[in-house]
Amino acid sequence: MSTRVEGFERVRYDYPECPDFGEIYSALLRDPLEPREGFIISEGYLFYGSRLCVPQTSLQDFLVWELHAGRVAGHFGCDKTIELVEDRFFGPGLKRNVTRVVRHCHVCQTAKGSRQPTGLYTTLFIPHRAWANISLDFVLGHPRTLRKFDSIFVVVDRFSKMATLSHVTGRTMPPTWRHIFQGIIQVSWTTYFYCF
């Protein structure tokens, strides 16, 4: 069984014109037994040790992309992809090419966490009198009472930490707003004038 990648045999024809591998490739074709610093030719392909020499062509982009985002790849970062590429291939500009591919990979850029420092902490508003700053919250999902109430409306004064609780029904919250806010205003004004 063998594997064939369409267009891959084009690499054999790119070697003679390649400024990086052309001279070595031609010398090895003339005299294959003469050692050339670890380069060998096998089936027309130039290898450096056990790594395939890939000239700077679109095939280099394709191979880098396949090892970074192909079916068996996992969108690893620059370092891991460089390690995968350099384990199999040899050629000028491979590291630069990997960095460019990873930097332009949409999946990697959307999944990558931000390395920007977080903003400065902002302090909460400090109230200077009672009921000047309040927090509102609903506590939902309680069991229904005999009077059909199933939620609690909580109002907390941030200055005095006084809490006001009102029972409400989840289905009739909008009609009870007027009643609830009248109670809050009454409590807040009473407490406000009591403080002076």
C-alpha atoms as a PDB file:
ATOM      1  CA  MET A   1       0.000   0.000   0.000  1.00  0.00           C
ATOM      2  CA  SER A   2       1.289   3.487  -0.778  1.00  0.00           C
ATOM      3  CA  THR A   3       0.144   7.035  -0.299  1.00  0.00           C
ATOM      4  CA  ARG A   4       0.183   9.609  -3.038  1.00  0.00           C
ATOM      5  CA  VAL A   5      -0.319  13.347  -2.698  1.00  0.00           C
ATOM      6  CA  GLU A   6      -1.302  15.010  -5.953  1.00  0.00           C
ATOM      7  CA  GLY A   7       1.182  17.675  -6.988  1.00  0.00           C
ATOM      8  CA  PHE A   8       3.809  16.502  -4.521  1.00  0.00           C
ATOM      9  CA  GLU A   9       6.066  15.112  -7.258  1.00  0.00           C
ATOM     10  CA  ARG A  10       6.429  18.698  -8.461  1.00  0.00           C
ATOM     11  CA  VAL A  11       9.017  19.143  -5.682  1.00  0.00           C
ATOM     12  CA  ARG A  12      11.498  17.026  -7.654  1.00  0.00           C
ATOM     13  CA  TYR A  13      11.320  19.514 -10.518  1.00  0.00           C
ATOM     14  CA  ASP A  14      11.650  22.516  -8.199  1.00  0.00           C
ATOM     15  CA  TYR A  15      14.981  21.392  -6.717  1.00  0.00           C
ATOM     16  CA  PRO A  16      17.248  22.357  -9.679  1.00  0.00           C
ATOM     17  CA  GLU A  17      15.926  25.964  -9.765  1.00  0.00           C
ATOM     18  CA  CYS A  18      15.789  26.327  -5.982  1.00  0.00           C
ATOM     19  CA  PRO A  19      18.396  28.842  -4.736  1.00  0.00           C
ATOM     20  CA  ASP A  20      18.734  26.925  -1.455  1.00  0.00           C
ATOM     21  CA  PHE A  21      18.905  23.311  -2.665  1.00  0.00           C
ATOM     22  CA  GLY A  22      19.709  23.595  -6.388  1.00  0.00           C
ATOM     23  CA  GLU A  23      23.493  23.340  -6.103  1.00  0.00           C
ATOM     24  CA  ILE A  24      23.423  20.422  -3.642  1.00  0.00           C
ATOM     25  CA  TYR A  25      20.756  18.588  -5.649  1.00  0.00           C
ATOM     26  CA  SER A  26      22.695  18.933  -8.909  1.00  0.00           C
ATOM     27  CA  ALA A  27      25.943  17.792  -7.262  1.00  0.00           C
ATOM     28  CA  LEU A  28      24.251  14.722  -5.775  1.00  0.00           C
ATOM     29  CA  LEU A  29      22.693  13.842  -9.140  1.00  0.00           C
ATOM     30  CA  ARG A  30      26.165  13.942 -10.755  1.00  0.00           C
ATOM     31  CA  ASP A  31      27.850  11.903  -8.010  1.00  0.00           C
ATOM     32  CA  PRO A  32      25.396  10.305  -5.529  1.00  0.00           C
ATOM     33  CA  LEU A  33      28.158   8.588  -3.537  1.00  0.00           C
ATOM     34  CA  GLU A  34      29.990  11.784  -2.642  1.00  0.00           C
ATOM     35  CA  PRO A  35      28.866  12.932   0.839  1.00  0.00           C
ATOM     36  CA  ARG A  36      27.226  16.348   0.911  1.00  0.00           C
ATOM     37  CA  GLU A  37      26.922  17.368   4.586  1.00  0.00           C
ATOM     38  CA  GLY A  38      24.121  14.914   5.396  1.00  0.00           C
ATOM     39  CA  PHE A  39      22.123  15.380   2.174  1.00  0.00           C
ATOM     40  CA  ILE A  40      20.983  12.354   0.148  1.00  0.00           C
ATOM     41  CA  ILE A  41      18.669  11.759  -2.809  1.00  0.00           C
ATOM     42  CA  SER A  42      16.053   9.027  -2.589  1.00  0.00           C
ATOM     43  CA  GLU A  43      13.562   8.398  -5.439  1.00  0.00           C
ATOM     44  CA  GLY A  44      14.283  11.869  -6.789  1.00  0.00           C
ATOM     45  CA  TYR A  45      13.614  13.641  -3.484  1.00  0.00           C
ATOM     46  CA  LEU A  46      16.292  15.457  -1.516  1.00  0.00           C
ATOM     47  CA  PHE A  47      16.615  14.561   2.164  1.00  0.00           C
ATOM     48  CA  TYR A  48      18.671  16.087   4.935  1.00  0.00           C
ATOM     49  CA  GLY A  49      19.148  13.144   7.271  1.00  0.00           C
ATOM     50  CA  SER A  50      15.649  11.685   7.496  1.00  0.00           C
ATOM     51  CA  ARG A  51      13.886  14.990   6.792  1.00  0.00           C
ATOM     52  CA  LEU A  52      12.501  15.914   3.383  1.00  0.00           C
ATOM     53  CA  CYS A  53      13.933  19.136   1.956  1.00  0.00           C
ATOM     54  CA  VAL A  54      11.107  21.462   0.933  1.00  0.00           C
ATOM     55  CA  PRO A  55      11.881  24.530  -1.196  1.00  0.00           C
ATOM     56  CA  GLN A  56      10.114  27.811  -0.545  1.00  0.00           C
ATOM     57  CA  THR A  57       7.023  27.162  -2.650  1.00  0.00           C
ATOM     58  CA  SER A  58       3.312  26.929  -2.011  1.00  0.00           C
ATOM     59  CA  LEU A  59       3.894  23.306  -1.020  1.00  0.00           C
ATOM     60  CA  GLN A  60       5.730  24.516   2.068  1.00  0.00           C
ATOM     61  CA  ASP A  61       2.636  26.533   3.045  1.00  0.00           C
ATOM     62  CA  PHE A  62       0.445  23.478   2.430  1.00  0.00           C
ATOM     63  CA  LEU A  63       2.610  21.180   4.563  1.00  0.00           C
ATOM     64  CA  VAL A  64       2.790  23.668   7.422  1.00  0.00           C
ATOM     65  CA  TRP A  65      -0.989  24.161   7.310  1.00  0.00           C
ATOM     66  CA  GLU A  66      -1.625  20.400   7.308  1.00  0.00           C
ATOM     67  CA  LEU A  67       0.599  19.893  10.349  1.00  0.00           C
ATOM     68  CA  HIS A  68      -1.028  22.826  12.149  1.00  0.00           C
ATOM     69  CA  ALA A  69      -4.709  22.547  11.226  1.00  0.00           C
ATOM     70  CA  GLY A  70      -5.116  19.386   9.167  1.00  0.00           C
ATOM     71  CA  ARG A  71      -7.274  16.411  10.065  1.00  0.00           C
ATOM     72  CA  VAL A  72      -4.716  14.891  12.421  1.00  0.00           C
ATOM     73  CA  ALA A  73      -3.448  18.208  13.814  1.00  0.00           C
ATOM     74  CA  GLY A  74      -4.824  19.987  16.826  1.00  0.00           C
ATOM     75  CA  HIS A  75      -4.198  23.709  16.223  1.00  0.00           C
ATOM     76  CA  PHE A  76      -1.126  23.605  18.423  1.00  0.00           C
ATOM     77  CA  GLY A  77       0.742  26.830  19.036  1.00  0.00           C
ATOM     78  CA  CYS A  78       3.889  28.005  17.255  1.00  0.00           C
ATOM     79  CA  ASP A  79       6.379  26.001  19.300  1.00  0.00           C
ATOM     80  CA  LYS A  80       4.602  22.654  18.973  1.00  0.00           C
ATOM     81  CA  THR A  81       3.910  23.184  15.257  1.00  0.00           C
ATOM     82  CA  ILE A  82       7.560  24.139  14.631  1.00  0.00           C
ATOM     83  CA  GLU A  83       8.596  20.960  16.438  1.00  0.00           C
ATOM     84  CA  LEU A  84       6.245  18.870  14.253  1.00  0.00           C
ATOM     85  CA  VAL A  85       7.400  20.549  11.031  1.00  0.00           C
ATOM     86  CA  GLU A  86      11.125  20.384  11.815  1.00  0.00           C
ATOM     87  CA  ASP A  87      10.811  16.725  12.779  1.00  0.00           C
ATOM     88  CA  ARG A  88       9.676  15.858   9.229  1.00  0.00           C
ATOM     89  CA  PHE A  89      10.910  18.616   6.907  1.00  0.00           C
ATOM     90  CA  PHE A  90      13.961  20.756   6.288  1.00  0.00           C
ATOM     91  CA  GLY A  91      14.007  24.051   4.473  1.00  0.00           C
ATOM     92  CA  PRO A  92      14.688  27.746   4.710  1.00  0.00           C
ATOM     93  CA  GLY A  93      12.024  29.906   6.297  1.00  0.00           C
ATOM     94  CA  LEU A  94      10.077  27.054   7.896  1.00  0.00           C
ATOM     95  CA  LYS A  95       9.969  28.704  11.332  1.00  0.00           C
ATOM     96  CA  ARG A  96       8.939  32.027   9.839  1.00  0.00           C
ATOM     97  CA  ASN A  97       6.286  30.269   7.768  1.00  0.00           C
ATOM     98  CA  VAL A  98       4.885  28.424  10.806  1.00  0.00           C
ATOM     99  CA  THR A  99       4.734  31.655  12.793  1.00  0.00           C
ATOM    100  CA  ARG A 100       2.865  33.365   9.957  1.00  0.00           C
ATOM    101  CA  VAL A 101       0.397  30.487   9.533  1.00  0.00           C
ATOM    102  CA  VAL A 102      -0.371  30.259  13.265  1.00  0.00           C
ATOM    103  CA  ARG A 103      -0.695  34.032  13.545  1.00  0.00           C
ATOM    104  CA  HIS A 104      -3.247  34.078  10.704  1.00  0.00           C
ATOM    105  CA  CYS A 105      -5.167  30.978  11.842  1.00  0.00           C
ATOM    106  CA  HIS A 106      -8.708  32.116  12.673  1.00  0.00           C
ATOM    107  CA  VAL A 107      -9.388  29.217  15.058  1.00  0.00           C
ATOM    108  CA  CYS A 108      -6.217  29.853  17.049  1.00  0.00           C
ATOM    109  CA  GLN A 109      -6.795  33.587  17.289  1.00  0.00           C
ATOM    110  CA  THR A 110     -10.372  33.227  18.526  1.00  0.00           C
ATOM    111  CA  ALA A 111      -9.483  30.520  21.055  1.00  0.00           C
ATOM    112  CA  LYS A 112      -6.312  32.158  22.346  1.00  0.00           C
ATOM    113  CA  GLY A 113      -6.601  33.963  25.665  1.00  0.00           C
ATOM    114  CA  SER A 114      -5.729  37.625  25.885  1.00  0.00           C
ATOM    115  CA  ARG A 115      -2.263  38.410  27.193  1.00  0.00           C
ATOM    116  CA  GLN A 116      -3.157  42.027  27.851  1.00  0.00           C
ATOM    117  CA  PRO A 117      -3.092  43.019  31.512  1.00  0.00           C
ATOM    118  CA  THR A 118      -6.498  43.482  33.037  1.00  0.00           C
ATOM    119  CA  GLY A 119      -7.685  46.974  33.746  1.00  0.00           C
ATOM    120  CA  LEU A 120      -7.371  48.732  37.055  1.00  0.00           C
ATOM    121  CA  TYR A 121      -9.768  47.842  39.811  1.00  0.00           C
ATOM    122  CA  THR A 122     -12.617  50.263  40.211  1.00  0.00           C
ATOM    123  CA  THR A 123     -13.953  50.959  43.645  1.00  0.00           C
ATOM    124  CA  LEU A 124     -17.644  50.781  44.388  1.00  0.00           C
ATOM    125  CA  PHE A 125     -19.569  53.951  45.095  1.00  0.00           C
ATOM    126  CA  ILE A 126     -19.481  54.707  48.833  1.00  0.00           C
ATOM    127  CA  PRO A 127     -22.837  56.096  49.969  1.00  0.00           C
ATOM    128  CA  HIS A 128     -22.734  58.983  52.444  1.00  0.00           C
ATOM    129  CA  ARG A 129     -26.280  58.640  53.748  1.00  0.00           C
ATOM    130  CA  ALA A 130     -28.977  56.021  54.134  1.00  0.00           C
ATOM    131  CA  TRP A 131     -30.942  54.953  51.048  1.00  0.00           C
ATOM    132  CA  ALA A 132     -28.763  56.982  48.686  1.00  0.00           C
ATOM    133  CA  ASN A 133     -27.522  53.782  47.066  1.00  0.00           C
ATOM    134  CA  ILE A 134     -29.584  50.597  47.021  1.00  0.00           C
ATOM    135  CA  SER A 135     -29.359  47.187  45.386  1.00  0.00           C
ATOM    136  CA  LEU A 136     -32.372  45.313  44.029  1.00  0.00           C
ATOM    137  CA  ASP A 137     -32.656  41.587  43.513  1.00  0.00           C
ATOM    138  CA  PHE A 138     -35.257  38.884  42.961  1.00  0.00           C
ATOM    139  CA  VAL A 139     -35.017  35.477  44.611  1.00  0.00           C
ATOM    140  CA  LEU A 140     -36.986  33.173  42.335  1.00  0.00           C
ATOM    141  CA  GLY A 141     -38.028  29.547  42.356  1.00  0.00           C
ATOM    142  CA  HIS A 142     -39.435  29.123  45.854  1.00  0.00           C
ATOM    143  CA  PRO A 143     -42.399  26.798  46.458  1.00  0.00           C
ATOM    144  CA  ARG A 144     -45.748  28.534  46.083  1.00  0.00           C
ATOM    145  CA  THR A 145     -47.360  29.673  49.361  1.00  0.00           C
ATOM    146  CA  LEU A 146     -51.072  29.537  50.215  1.00  0.00           C
ATOM    147  CA  ARG A 147     -51.423  33.130  48.956  1.00  0.00           C
ATOM    148  CA  LYS A 148     -49.726  32.136  45.650  1.00  0.00           C
ATOM    149  CA  PHE A 149     -46.408  33.911  46.272  1.00  0.00           C
ATOM    150  CA  ASP A 150     -43.342  32.173  44.828  1.00  0.00           C
ATOM    151  CA  SER A 151     -40.643  34.873  44.723  1.00  0.00           C
ATOM    152  CA  ILE A 152     -39.005  37.406  47.007  1.00  0.00           C
ATOM    153  CA  PHE A 153     -38.033  40.943  46.047  1.00  0.00           C
ATOM    154  CA  VAL A 154     -34.986  42.081  48.045  1.00  0.00           C
ATOM    155  CA  VAL A 155     -33.898  45.702  48.468  1.00  0.00           C
ATOM    156  CA  VAL A 156     -30.702  46.402  50.431  1.00  0.00           C
ATOM    157  CA  ASP A 157     -29.472  49.816  51.492  1.00  0.00           C
ATOM    158  CA  ARG A 158     -25.720  49.821  50.973  1.00  0.00           C
ATOM    159  CA  PHE A 159     -25.080  52.445  53.651  1.00  0.00           C
ATOM    160  CA  SER A 160     -26.959  50.932  56.611  1.00  0.00           C
ATOM    161  CA  LYS A 161     -27.097  47.353  55.276  1.00  0.00           C
ATOM    162  CA  MET A 162     -30.829  47.388  55.992  1.00  0.00           C
ATOM    163  CA  ALA A 163     -32.784  44.902  53.885  1.00  0.00           C
ATOM    164  CA  THR A 164     -36.408  45.098  52.835  1.00  0.00           C
ATOM    165  CA  LEU A 165     -38.066  41.887  51.664  1.00  0.00           C
ATOM    166  CA  SER A 166     -41.343  41.740  49.749  1.00  0.00           C
ATOM    167  CA  HIS A 167     -43.138  38.615  48.644  1.00  0.00           C
ATOM    168  CA  VAL A 168     -44.261  38.641  45.024  1.00  0.00           C
ATOM    169  CA  THR A 169     -45.700  36.299  42.448  1.00  0.00           C
ATOM    170  CA  GLY A 170     -43.602  35.561  39.392  1.00  0.00           C
ATOM    171  CA  ARG A 171     -46.584  35.966  37.045  1.00  0.00           C
ATOM    172  CA  THR A 172     -47.776  39.251  38.523  1.00  0.00           C
ATOM    173  CA  MET A 173     -44.503  41.079  39.063  1.00  0.00           C
ATOM    174  CA  PRO A 174     -45.242  44.103  36.828  1.00  0.00           C
ATOM    175  CA  PRO A 175     -48.508  45.036  38.648  1.00  0.00           C
ATOM    176  CA  THR A 176     -46.758  44.789  42.008  1.00  0.00           C
ATOM    177  CA  TRP A 177     -43.926  47.149  41.057  1.00  0.00           C
ATOM    178  CA  ARG A 178     -45.922  50.219  42.061  1.00  0.00           C
ATOM    179  CA  HIS A 179     -46.762  48.692  45.447  1.00  0.00           C
ATOM    180  CA  ILE A 180     -43.167  47.598  46.030  1.00  0.00           C
ATOM    181  CA  PHE A 181     -41.579  50.907  45.083  1.00  0.00           C
ATOM    182  CA  GLN A 182     -44.076  52.845  47.198  1.00  0.00           C
ATOM    183  CA  GLY A 183     -42.982  50.712  50.151  1.00  0.00           C
ATOM    184  CA  ILE A 184     -39.314  51.315  49.371  1.00  0.00           C
ATOM    185  CA  ILE A 185     -39.795  55.063  49.059  1.00  0.00           C
ATOM    186  CA  GLN A 186     -41.787  55.158  52.296  1.00  0.00           C
ATOM    187  CA  VAL A 187     -39.098  53.178  54.176  1.00  0.00           C
ATOM    188  CA  SER A 188     -36.254  55.155  52.647  1.00  0.00           C
ATOM    189  CA  TRP A 189     -37.730  58.582  53.407  1.00  0.00           C
ATOM    190  CA  THR A 190     -38.672  57.559  56.925  1.00  0.00           C
ATOM    191  CA  THR A 191     -35.169  56.232  57.563  1.00  0.00           C
ATOM    192  CA  TYR A 192     -33.576  59.222  55.845  1.00  0.00           C
ATOM    193  CA  PHE A 193     -35.386  61.780  58.008  1.00  0.00           C
ATOM    194  CA  TYR A 194     -34.869  59.656  61.113  1.00  0.00           C
ATOM    195  CA  CYS A 195     -31.089  59.875  60.609  1.00  0.00           C
ATOM    196  CA  PHE A 196     -31.117  63.684  60.935  1.00  0.00           C
END
